[in-house]
Amino acid sequence: MRFLLLGGTGQVGTEIRAMAAPLNKIEIFAPRRDELDIQDALAIAKIVSTEPWHGVINAAAYTDVDRAESEETAAFAINAQAPSSLAAETGRHGIPLIHISTDYVFDGKKGAPYIEQDEVAPLNTYGRSKLAGEHGIRAANARHIILRTSWVYSPYRRNFVKTILRLAAERDRLTIVADQRACPTAAIDIARACLDIAVRCASEREGTPYGVYHFAGVGKASWFEFATAIIGMAAPRLVKSPQIVPILTNDYPTPAIRPLDTRLNCLAITRKFDVKMRPWRDALADTIDRLASSKDIS
């Protein structure tokens, strides 16, 4: 099977390429940015029509939540317009589309884990742009799987885990927000789910339960709890371990408003696709080990 992957150098995209490489039955084509401008609808149309792809995975996104407040046009171009164009072309050719979205489509006021049918109400530009992308996909390609996830981390690119480890080497004291909660999710787990689902979508012409699903690490955490776990697991490999001090969201103002509680209920995707989700602490330990092996912890 041959799949087109957009965003192949991001956290999830990098994991997808690494995971697919040793598999004989799966071939991934991931064009570089200089080979495909995802903001160019004509370029998207051309690459989708190049060959009869078994499926398309869109892991490309504008993910800088704070910068999106001042770069709204760019955020919507990448997170809304590009996925909509991709859905229109894949829909035209009958190609399944797997797309990664976010928990930030919710306002965090429910007080319980969100299910897929809950009302969406994003609080910031990033969330609104990702929601617009969801709407565009759902309108243009019935054969879609949208995976909403949260707090993605990996050994690659910029993410919370790598930031905390970098700051641990620079500072003796870290102040971390303790009243925002979600489900930390390893990019490698998202990648595995994307590939498994893509293969199933390509194999089944009928009966595939297309739609919107939640996929995240098992368990919940605040940023403070997440940071504490990162430092605790990495401590034997760190030169020093900083003190971690909890603070409130109001004590750390940012350009973008963050929802306080975006825990995701992931039972639906387990029932429909039998995908496996790991406890976030187990997945984090694996990521810390991988970073240590690559000597990215000091």
Protein backbone atom coordinates (compact mmCIF):
# COMPACT_ATOMS: atom_id res chain seq x y z
CA MET A 1 0.00 0.00 0.00
CA ARG A 2 1.21 3.49 -0.84
CA PHE A 3 0.21 6.47 1.28
CA LEU A 4 0.76 10.20 0.88
CA LEU A 5 1.91 11.89 4.09
CA LEU A 6 1.82 15.65 4.63
CA GLY A 7 3.81 17.07 7.53
CA GLY A 8 6.41 14.33 7.33
CA THR A 9 9.04 16.29 9.28
CA GLY A 10 6.82 17.11 12.26
CA GLN A 11 6.57 15.06 15.43
CA VAL A 12 3.88 12.66 14.24
CA GLY A 13 5.10 12.65 10.65
CA THR A 14 8.63 11.71 11.68
CA GLU A 15 7.29 8.82 13.75
CA ILE A 16 5.07 7.63 10.88
CA ARG A 17 8.01 7.56 8.45
CA ALA A 18 10.23 5.68 10.93
CA MET A 19 7.49 3.20 11.73
CA ALA A 20 6.60 2.50 8.11
CA ALA A 21 10.20 2.18 6.87
CA PRO A 22 10.72 -1.49 7.86
CA LEU A 23 7.24 -2.58 6.77
CA ASN A 24 7.14 -4.26 3.39
CA LYS A 25 3.43 -3.73 2.90
CA ILE A 26 3.47 0.04 3.49
CA GLU A 27 5.23 2.73 1.48
CA ILE A 28 5.10 6.36 2.58
CA PHE A 29 5.70 9.31 0.27
CA ALA A 30 6.27 12.47 2.31
CA PRO A 31 7.09 15.49 0.13
CA ARG A 32 9.32 18.14 1.65
CA ARG A 33 8.13 21.73 2.02
CA ASP A 34 10.14 22.74 -1.03
CA GLU A 35 8.41 19.98 -2.99
CA LEU A 36 4.85 20.80 -1.93
CA ASP A 37 3.36 24.03 -0.64
CA ILE A 38 0.30 22.84 1.25
CA GLN A 39 -1.17 26.34 1.03
CA ASP A 40 -1.30 25.98 -2.77
CA ALA A 41 -4.62 24.35 -3.68
CA LEU A 42 -3.44 23.63 -7.23
CA ALA A 43 -0.32 21.91 -5.92
CA ILE A 44 -2.45 19.77 -3.62
CA ALA A 45 -4.75 18.86 -6.50
CA LYS A 46 -1.77 17.88 -8.64
CA ILE A 47 -0.10 15.63 -6.07
CA VAL A 48 -3.34 13.90 -5.07
CA SER A 49 -4.11 13.10 -8.70
CA THR A 50 -0.54 11.92 -9.41
CA GLU A 51 -1.33 8.32 -8.54
CA PRO A 52 -4.11 6.23 -6.96
CA TRP A 53 -3.05 6.64 -3.33
CA HIS A 54 -4.43 4.07 -0.90
CA GLY A 55 -4.83 6.87 1.60
CA VAL A 56 -3.62 10.32 2.64
CA ILE A 57 -2.44 11.22 6.16
CA ASN A 58 -2.36 14.90 7.06
CA ALA A 59 0.01 15.52 9.96
CA ALA A 60 0.83 19.08 8.84
CA ALA A 61 -0.30 21.88 11.12
CA TYR A 62 0.41 25.35 12.44
CA THR A 63 0.90 24.51 16.13
CA ASP A 64 2.30 27.65 17.78
CA VAL A 65 -0.73 28.46 19.92
CA ASP A 66 0.46 31.87 21.12
CA ARG A 67 1.90 33.08 17.82
CA ALA A 68 -1.35 32.17 16.08
CA GLU A 69 -2.99 35.09 17.87
CA SER A 70 -0.86 37.51 15.84
CA GLU A 71 -0.58 35.28 12.74
CA GLU A 72 -4.22 34.36 12.27
CA THR A 73 -4.01 34.36 8.49
CA ALA A 74 -1.15 31.87 8.49
CA ALA A 75 -2.83 29.67 11.09
CA PHE A 76 -6.06 29.46 9.08
CA ALA A 77 -4.20 28.92 5.81
CA ILE A 78 -2.41 25.85 7.17
CA ASN A 79 -4.96 24.50 9.65
CA ALA A 80 -8.20 25.24 7.77
CA GLN A 81 -7.74 26.04 4.09
CA ALA A 82 -5.09 23.41 3.35
CA PRO A 83 -7.04 20.52 4.94
CA SER A 84 -10.19 21.69 3.17
CA SER A 85 -8.39 21.65 -0.19
CA LEU A 86 -6.92 18.26 0.63
CA ALA A 87 -10.35 16.90 1.53
CA ALA A 88 -11.87 18.25 -1.68
CA GLU A 89 -9.26 16.51 -3.82
CA THR A 90 -9.17 13.24 -1.90
CA GLY A 91 -12.96 13.24 -1.89
CA ARG A 92 -13.01 13.76 -5.63
CA HIS A 93 -10.81 10.69 -6.11
CA GLY A 94 -12.42 8.55 -3.41
CA ILE A 95 -9.27 8.45 -1.27
CA PRO A 96 -9.52 8.05 2.52
CA LEU A 97 -8.13 10.99 4.51
CA ILE A 98 -6.74 10.72 8.04
CA HIS A 99 -6.31 14.11 9.71
CA ILE A 100 -4.95 15.12 13.12
CA SER A 101 -6.86 17.73 15.10
CA THR A 102 -6.79 19.00 18.67
CA ASP A 103 -8.49 19.08 22.07
CA TYR A 104 -8.38 22.87 21.82
CA VAL A 105 -11.62 22.81 19.84
CA PHE A 106 -13.23 22.64 23.32
CA ASP A 107 -13.50 25.42 25.90
CA GLY A 108 -12.52 23.18 28.84
CA LYS A 109 -15.61 24.01 30.90
CA LYS A 110 -17.35 20.62 30.83
CA GLY A 111 -15.73 19.30 34.00
CA ALA A 112 -15.44 15.77 32.60
CA PRO A 113 -13.66 14.08 29.67
CA TYR A 114 -15.03 15.20 26.31
CA ILE A 115 -16.72 12.80 23.93
CA GLU A 116 -16.83 13.36 20.19
CA GLN A 117 -20.42 14.62 20.23
CA ASP A 118 -19.81 17.37 22.81
CA GLU A 119 -20.30 20.98 21.78
CA VAL A 120 -17.17 22.64 20.42
CA ALA A 121 -16.23 26.17 21.50
CA PRO A 122 -12.56 27.01 20.95
CA LEU A 123 -11.11 29.84 23.03
CA ASN A 124 -8.18 30.81 20.81
CA THR A 125 -7.18 31.28 17.17
CA TYR A 126 -5.36 27.97 17.01
CA GLY A 127 -8.45 26.09 18.17
CA ARG A 128 -10.72 28.00 15.81
CA SER A 129 -8.43 27.31 12.86
CA LYS A 130 -8.28 23.60 13.63
CA LEU A 131 -12.06 23.46 14.01
CA ALA A 132 -12.47 25.18 10.65
CA GLY A 133 -10.24 22.48 9.17
CA GLU A 134 -12.48 19.80 10.66
CA HIS A 135 -15.55 21.44 9.12
CA GLY A 136 -13.87 21.65 5.71
CA ILE A 137 -12.90 17.99 5.79
CA ARG A 138 -16.30 16.76 6.90
CA ALA A 139 -17.98 18.75 4.15
CA ALA A 140 -15.71 17.61 1.31
CA ASN A 141 -14.78 13.96 1.92
CA ALA A 142 -17.10 11.43 3.52
CA ARG A 143 -14.18 8.97 3.83
CA HIS A 144 -12.42 10.86 6.61
CA ILE A 145 -10.99 10.03 10.01
CA ILE A 146 -10.30 13.05 12.21
CA LEU A 147 -8.22 12.28 15.30
CA ARG A 148 -8.41 14.86 18.06
CA THR A 149 -5.44 14.55 20.39
CA SER A 150 -3.67 16.58 23.06
CA TRP A 151 -0.31 17.67 24.47
CA VAL A 152 1.79 15.87 21.86
CA TYR A 153 5.44 15.12 22.62
CA SER A 154 8.28 13.08 21.14
CA PRO A 155 12.08 13.06 20.83
CA TYR A 156 11.69 15.38 17.82
CA ARG A 157 11.08 19.05 17.17
CA ARG A 158 9.94 21.47 19.87
CA ASN A 159 7.59 20.16 22.56
CA PHE A 160 6.95 20.37 26.29
CA VAL A 161 9.12 17.39 27.25
CA LYS A 162 12.17 18.71 25.43
CA THR A 163 11.57 22.24 26.72
CA ILE A 164 11.43 21.08 30.34
CA LEU A 165 14.62 19.04 29.93
CA ARG A 166 16.39 22.02 28.36
CA LEU A 167 15.25 24.36 31.14
CA ALA A 168 16.33 21.81 33.75
CA ALA A 169 19.91 22.25 32.57
CA GLU A 170 19.62 26.04 32.68
CA ARG A 171 17.63 26.88 35.80
CA ASP A 172 17.37 25.91 39.46
CA ARG A 173 13.65 26.68 39.69
CA LEU A 174 10.78 26.18 37.24
CA THR A 175 7.30 27.64 37.68
CA ILE A 176 4.70 25.50 35.90
CA VAL A 177 0.96 26.00 35.47
CA ALA A 178 -0.98 23.56 37.66
CA ASP A 179 -4.64 24.31 36.88
CA GLN A 180 -4.75 23.23 33.21
CA ARG A 181 -5.45 19.54 32.67
CA ALA A 182 -5.40 17.26 29.63
CA CYS A 183 -4.01 13.92 28.42
CA PRO A 184 -0.30 13.94 27.41
CA THR A 185 0.11 11.92 24.22
CA ALA A 186 3.22 10.43 22.64
CA ALA A 187 3.57 11.14 18.94
CA ILE A 188 4.66 7.56 18.32
CA ASP A 189 1.29 6.32 19.60
CA ILE A 190 -0.58 8.72 17.32
CA ALA A 191 1.58 7.57 14.41
CA ARG A 192 0.79 3.91 15.08
CA ALA A 193 -2.92 4.69 15.23
CA CYS A 194 -2.76 6.67 11.98
CA LEU A 195 -1.04 3.84 10.14
CA ASP A 196 -3.34 1.14 11.51
CA ILE A 197 -6.42 3.16 10.64
CA ALA A 198 -5.07 4.11 7.20
CA VAL A 199 -4.47 0.46 6.35
CA ARG A 200 -7.97 -0.48 7.44
CA CYS A 201 -9.53 2.37 5.47
CA ALA A 202 -7.60 1.30 2.38
CA SER A 203 -8.54 -2.36 2.82
CA GLU A 204 -12.27 -1.85 3.37
CA ARG A 205 -14.40 -0.19 0.72
CA GLU A 206 -17.53 -0.64 2.81
CA GLY A 207 -18.25 -0.62 6.52
CA THR A 208 -15.38 1.54 7.75
CA PRO A 209 -16.69 3.72 10.61
CA TYR A 210 -15.50 7.07 9.29
CA GLY A 211 -15.85 10.20 11.41
CA VAL A 212 -14.33 12.16 14.30
CA TYR A 213 -12.51 10.33 17.10
CA HIS A 214 -10.54 11.16 20.21
CA PHE A 215 -7.11 9.62 20.73
CA ALA A 216 -4.88 10.50 23.67
CA GLY A 217 -2.68 9.03 26.36
CA VAL A 218 -4.48 7.17 29.13
CA GLY A 219 -4.83 9.22 32.29
CA LYS A 220 -4.80 12.93 33.00
CA ALA A 221 -2.22 15.46 34.13
CA SER A 222 -1.70 19.13 34.71
CA TRP A 223 1.31 20.83 33.17
CA PHE A 224 2.83 20.83 36.68
CA GLU A 225 2.26 17.08 37.08
CA PHE A 226 3.61 16.47 33.59
CA ALA A 227 6.75 18.51 34.27
CA THR A 228 7.26 16.79 37.63
CA ALA A 229 7.07 13.38 35.95
CA ILE A 230 9.52 14.45 33.23
CA ILE A 231 12.12 15.61 35.74
CA GLY A 232 11.55 12.61 37.98
CA MET A 233 12.04 10.08 35.17
CA ALA A 234 15.02 11.89 33.72
CA ALA A 235 16.66 12.69 37.09
CA PRO A 236 19.27 9.89 36.99
CA ARG A 237 20.53 11.30 33.70
CA LEU A 238 20.39 15.00 34.58
CA VAL A 239 23.31 17.04 35.85
CA LYS A 240 20.87 18.76 38.21
CA SER A 241 17.16 18.63 38.98
CA PRO A 242 15.42 21.99 39.40
CA GLN A 243 12.72 22.76 41.94
CA ILE A 244 9.30 22.72 40.27
CA VAL A 245 6.80 25.23 41.66
CA PRO A 246 3.08 25.14 40.79
CA ILE A 247 1.39 28.35 39.69
CA LEU A 248 -2.05 29.29 38.35
CA THR A 249 -2.92 30.19 34.77
CA ASN A 250 -3.59 33.77 35.91
CA ASP A 251 -0.01 33.96 37.18
CA TYR A 252 1.35 33.17 33.71
CA PRO A 253 -0.46 35.35 31.14
CA THR A 254 -0.05 34.33 27.49
CA PRO A 255 -1.32 35.82 24.21
CA ALA A 256 -3.70 32.85 23.71
CA ILE A 257 -6.35 31.80 26.21
CA ARG A 258 -5.97 28.15 27.16
CA PRO A 259 -8.87 25.90 28.19
CA LEU A 260 -8.48 24.56 31.74
CA ASP A 261 -9.69 20.98 31.29
CA THR A 262 -9.63 19.24 27.90
CA ARG A 263 -9.42 15.61 28.95
CA LEU A 264 -10.58 13.36 26.12
CA ASN A 265 -12.79 10.29 26.34
CA CYS A 266 -11.27 7.81 23.88
CA LEU A 267 -13.63 4.85 24.23
CA ALA A 268 -15.13 5.28 20.76
CA ILE A 269 -11.90 4.76 18.82
CA THR A 270 -11.07 1.74 20.98
CA ARG A 271 -14.43 0.17 20.17
CA LYS A 272 -14.43 0.97 16.46
CA PHE A 273 -10.76 0.43 15.54
CA ASP A 274 -9.31 -1.56 18.43
CA VAL A 275 -6.33 0.79 18.64
CA LYS A 276 -4.13 0.67 21.71
CA MET A 277 -3.45 3.66 23.95
CA ARG A 278 -0.76 3.61 26.62
CA PRO A 279 -0.85 5.24 30.04
CA TRP A 280 0.86 8.56 29.49
CA ARG A 281 3.48 7.84 32.15
CA ASP A 282 4.52 4.63 30.37
CA ALA A 283 4.78 6.44 27.05
CA LEU A 284 6.72 9.28 28.68
CA ALA A 285 9.22 6.83 30.18
CA ASP A 286 9.77 5.38 26.71
CA THR A 287 10.35 8.86 25.28
CA ILE A 288 12.83 9.73 28.05
CA ASP A 289 14.74 6.53 27.25
CA ARG A 290 14.80 7.39 23.55
CA LEU A 291 16.08 10.88 24.28
CA ALA A 292 18.77 9.44 26.52
CA SER A 293 19.83 7.01 23.82
CA SER A 294 20.23 9.90 21.39
CA LYS A 295 22.12 11.87 24.08
CA ASP A 296 19.51 14.65 24.09
CA ILE A 297 19.39 14.66 27.90
CA SER A 298 22.11 16.35 29.88
